[in-house]
Amino acid sequence: MAEIVNLRAVRKAKSKAEARAKGDENAAKFGQTKAERALAKAQADKAKRDLDGAKRE
């Protein structure tokens, strides 16, 4: 015999899992400290300066 499943509970569990995955994704994307953002910006600026400095006229 098959196991009886409450579809509403399954739907809610699926929704919660999707919301948690979305939250984890956003935390990874936007969850940087101010120091980390500043470091990333400084590295990007240096890379841009180095690239601009190597351009030929």
N, C-alpha and C. Protein backbone atom coordinates (compact mmCIF):
# COMPACT_ATOMS: atom_id res chain seq x y z
N MET A 1 0.81 -1.19 0.00
CA MET A 1 0.00 0.00 0.00
C MET A 1 0.86 1.26 0.00
N ALA A 2 0.36 2.27 -0.59
CA ALA A 2 1.09 3.53 -0.67
C ALA A 2 0.93 4.32 0.63
N GLU A 3 1.92 5.13 0.89
CA GLU A 3 1.89 5.97 2.09
C GLU A 3 0.99 7.18 1.83
N ILE A 4 0.19 7.51 2.81
CA ILE A 4 -0.71 8.65 2.69
C ILE A 4 0.11 9.93 2.92
N VAL A 5 -0.06 10.88 2.01
CA VAL A 5 0.70 12.12 2.05
C VAL A 5 -0.26 13.30 2.08
N ASN A 6 0.00 14.22 2.99
CA ASN A 6 -0.79 15.43 3.05
C ASN A 6 -0.19 16.41 2.03
N LEU A 7 -0.91 16.65 0.95
CA LEU A 7 -0.38 17.48 -0.14
C LEU A 7 -0.13 18.92 0.30
N ARG A 8 -0.96 19.41 1.20
CA ARG A 8 -0.77 20.78 1.67
C ARG A 8 0.56 20.90 2.43
N ALA A 9 0.87 19.91 3.25
CA ALA A 9 2.13 19.93 4.00
C ALA A 9 3.33 19.82 3.05
N VAL A 10 3.20 19.00 2.03
CA VAL A 10 4.28 18.86 1.05
C VAL A 10 4.48 20.17 0.31
N ARG A 11 3.39 20.81 -0.07
CA ARG A 11 3.48 22.09 -0.79
C ARG A 11 4.13 23.16 0.09
N LYS A 12 3.76 23.20 1.37
CA LYS A 12 4.36 24.18 2.29
C LYS A 12 5.85 23.91 2.49
N ALA A 13 6.22 22.64 2.63
CA ALA A 13 7.62 22.29 2.81
C ALA A 13 8.44 22.69 1.58
N LYS A 14 7.88 22.45 0.41
CA LYS A 14 8.57 22.82 -0.83
C LYS A 14 8.74 24.34 -0.91
N SER A 15 7.71 25.07 -0.54
CA SER A 15 7.77 26.53 -0.55
C SER A 15 8.83 27.05 0.42
N LYS A 16 8.88 26.46 1.61
CA LYS A 16 9.88 26.88 2.60
C LYS A 16 11.30 26.58 2.11
N ALA A 17 11.48 25.43 1.48
CA ALA A 17 12.80 25.07 0.97
C ALA A 17 13.24 26.04 -0.14
N GLU A 18 12.32 26.41 -1.01
CA GLU A 18 12.64 27.36 -2.07
C GLU A 18 12.98 28.73 -1.50
N ALA A 19 12.23 29.16 -0.48
CA ALA A 19 12.48 30.46 0.14
C ALA A 19 13.84 30.46 0.83
N ARG A 20 14.19 29.37 1.49
CA ARG A 20 15.50 29.29 2.15
C ARG A 20 16.62 29.31 1.12
N ALA A 21 16.44 28.60 0.02
CA ALA A 21 17.46 28.58 -1.02
C ALA A 21 17.65 29.98 -1.61
N LYS A 22 16.54 30.67 -1.84
CA LYS A 22 16.61 32.04 -2.37
C LYS A 22 17.31 32.96 -1.37
N GLY A 23 17.00 32.80 -0.09
CA GLY A 23 17.64 33.61 0.94
C GLY A 23 19.13 33.35 1.03
N ASP A 24 19.53 32.08 0.93
CA ASP A 24 20.95 31.74 0.96
C ASP A 24 21.68 32.33 -0.24
N GLU A 25 21.01 32.29 -1.38
CA GLU A 25 21.59 32.86 -2.60
C GLU A 25 21.79 34.37 -2.43
N ASN A 26 20.78 35.05 -1.90
CA ASN A 26 20.88 36.50 -1.69
C ASN A 26 21.95 36.83 -0.65
N ALA A 27 22.06 36.01 0.38
CA ALA A 27 23.08 36.24 1.40
C ALA A 27 24.47 36.13 0.80
N ALA A 28 24.64 35.18 -0.09
CA ALA A 28 25.94 35.02 -0.74
C ALA A 28 26.22 36.18 -1.70
N LYS A 29 25.18 36.65 -2.36
CA LYS A 29 25.35 37.72 -3.34
C LYS A 29 25.53 39.08 -2.68
N PHE A 30 24.70 39.40 -1.69
CA PHE A 30 24.69 40.73 -1.11
C PHE A 30 25.24 40.79 0.31
N GLY A 31 25.59 39.67 0.88
CA GLY A 31 25.98 39.63 2.27
C GLY A 31 27.45 39.90 2.51
N GLN A 32 27.95 40.98 1.98
CA GLN A 32 29.35 41.33 2.18
C GLN A 32 29.45 42.43 3.22
N THR A 33 30.51 42.38 3.99
CA THR A 33 30.75 43.44 4.96
C THR A 33 31.26 44.68 4.22
N LYS A 34 31.27 45.79 4.91
CA LYS A 34 31.74 47.03 4.31
C LYS A 34 33.21 46.91 3.91
N ALA A 35 34.00 46.26 4.74
CA ALA A 35 35.42 46.08 4.43
C ALA A 35 35.61 45.21 3.19
N GLU A 36 34.82 44.16 3.05
CA GLU A 36 34.92 43.31 1.87
C GLU A 36 34.53 44.07 0.61
N ARG A 37 33.48 44.89 0.70
CA ARG A 37 33.08 45.69 -0.46
C ARG A 37 34.18 46.69 -0.82
N ALA A 38 34.78 47.32 0.18
CA ALA A 38 35.84 48.29 -0.07
C ALA A 38 37.05 47.61 -0.70
N LEU A 39 37.40 46.42 -0.22
CA LEU A 39 38.52 45.69 -0.78
C LEU A 39 38.25 45.32 -2.24
N ALA A 40 37.07 44.84 -2.52
CA ALA A 40 36.71 44.47 -3.89
C ALA A 40 36.75 45.69 -4.81
N LYS A 41 36.27 46.82 -4.33
CA LYS A 41 36.28 48.05 -5.13
C LYS A 41 37.72 48.50 -5.38
N ALA A 42 38.56 48.43 -4.35
CA ALA A 42 39.96 48.83 -4.51
C ALA A 42 40.67 47.93 -5.51
N GLN A 43 40.39 46.63 -5.46
CA GLN A 43 41.02 45.70 -6.40
C GLN A 43 40.55 45.97 -7.83
N ALA A 44 39.26 46.26 -7.98
CA ALA A 44 38.73 46.56 -9.31
C ALA A 44 39.32 47.85 -9.85
N ASP A 45 39.45 48.87 -8.99
CA ASP A 45 40.04 50.14 -9.41
C ASP A 45 41.49 49.96 -9.84
N LYS A 46 42.25 49.16 -9.07
CA LYS A 46 43.65 48.92 -9.41
C LYS A 46 43.76 48.17 -10.73
N ALA A 47 42.91 47.19 -10.93
CA ALA A 47 42.94 46.45 -12.19
C ALA A 47 42.62 47.37 -13.36
N LYS A 48 41.66 48.27 -13.17
CA LYS A 48 41.31 49.22 -14.24
C LYS A 48 42.47 50.17 -14.51
N ARG A 49 43.12 50.67 -13.46
CA ARG A 49 44.26 51.56 -13.64
C ARG A 49 45.40 50.84 -14.37
N ASP A 50 45.68 49.60 -13.97
CA ASP A 50 46.74 48.83 -14.62
C ASP A 50 46.43 48.60 -16.09
N LEU A 51 45.18 48.30 -16.40
CA LEU A 51 44.79 48.08 -17.79
C LEU A 51 44.89 49.37 -18.59
N ASP A 52 44.43 50.48 -18.01
CA ASP A 52 44.50 51.76 -18.71
C ASP A 52 45.96 52.18 -18.91
N GLY A 53 46.81 51.86 -17.94
CA GLY A 53 48.23 52.21 -18.05
C GLY A 53 48.95 51.43 -19.11
N ALA A 54 48.46 50.26 -19.47
CA ALA A 54 49.11 49.41 -20.46
C ALA A 54 48.60 49.66 -21.87
N LYS A 55 47.64 50.56 -22.03
CA LYS A 55 47.10 50.83 -23.36
C LYS A 55 48.11 51.54 -24.23
N ARG A 56 48.08 51.22 -25.51
CA ARG A 56 48.93 51.91 -26.45
C ARG A 56 48.18 53.08 -27.05
N GLU A 57 48.89 54.09 -27.37
CA GLU A 57 48.26 55.28 -27.96
C GLU A 57 48.08 55.10 -29.44
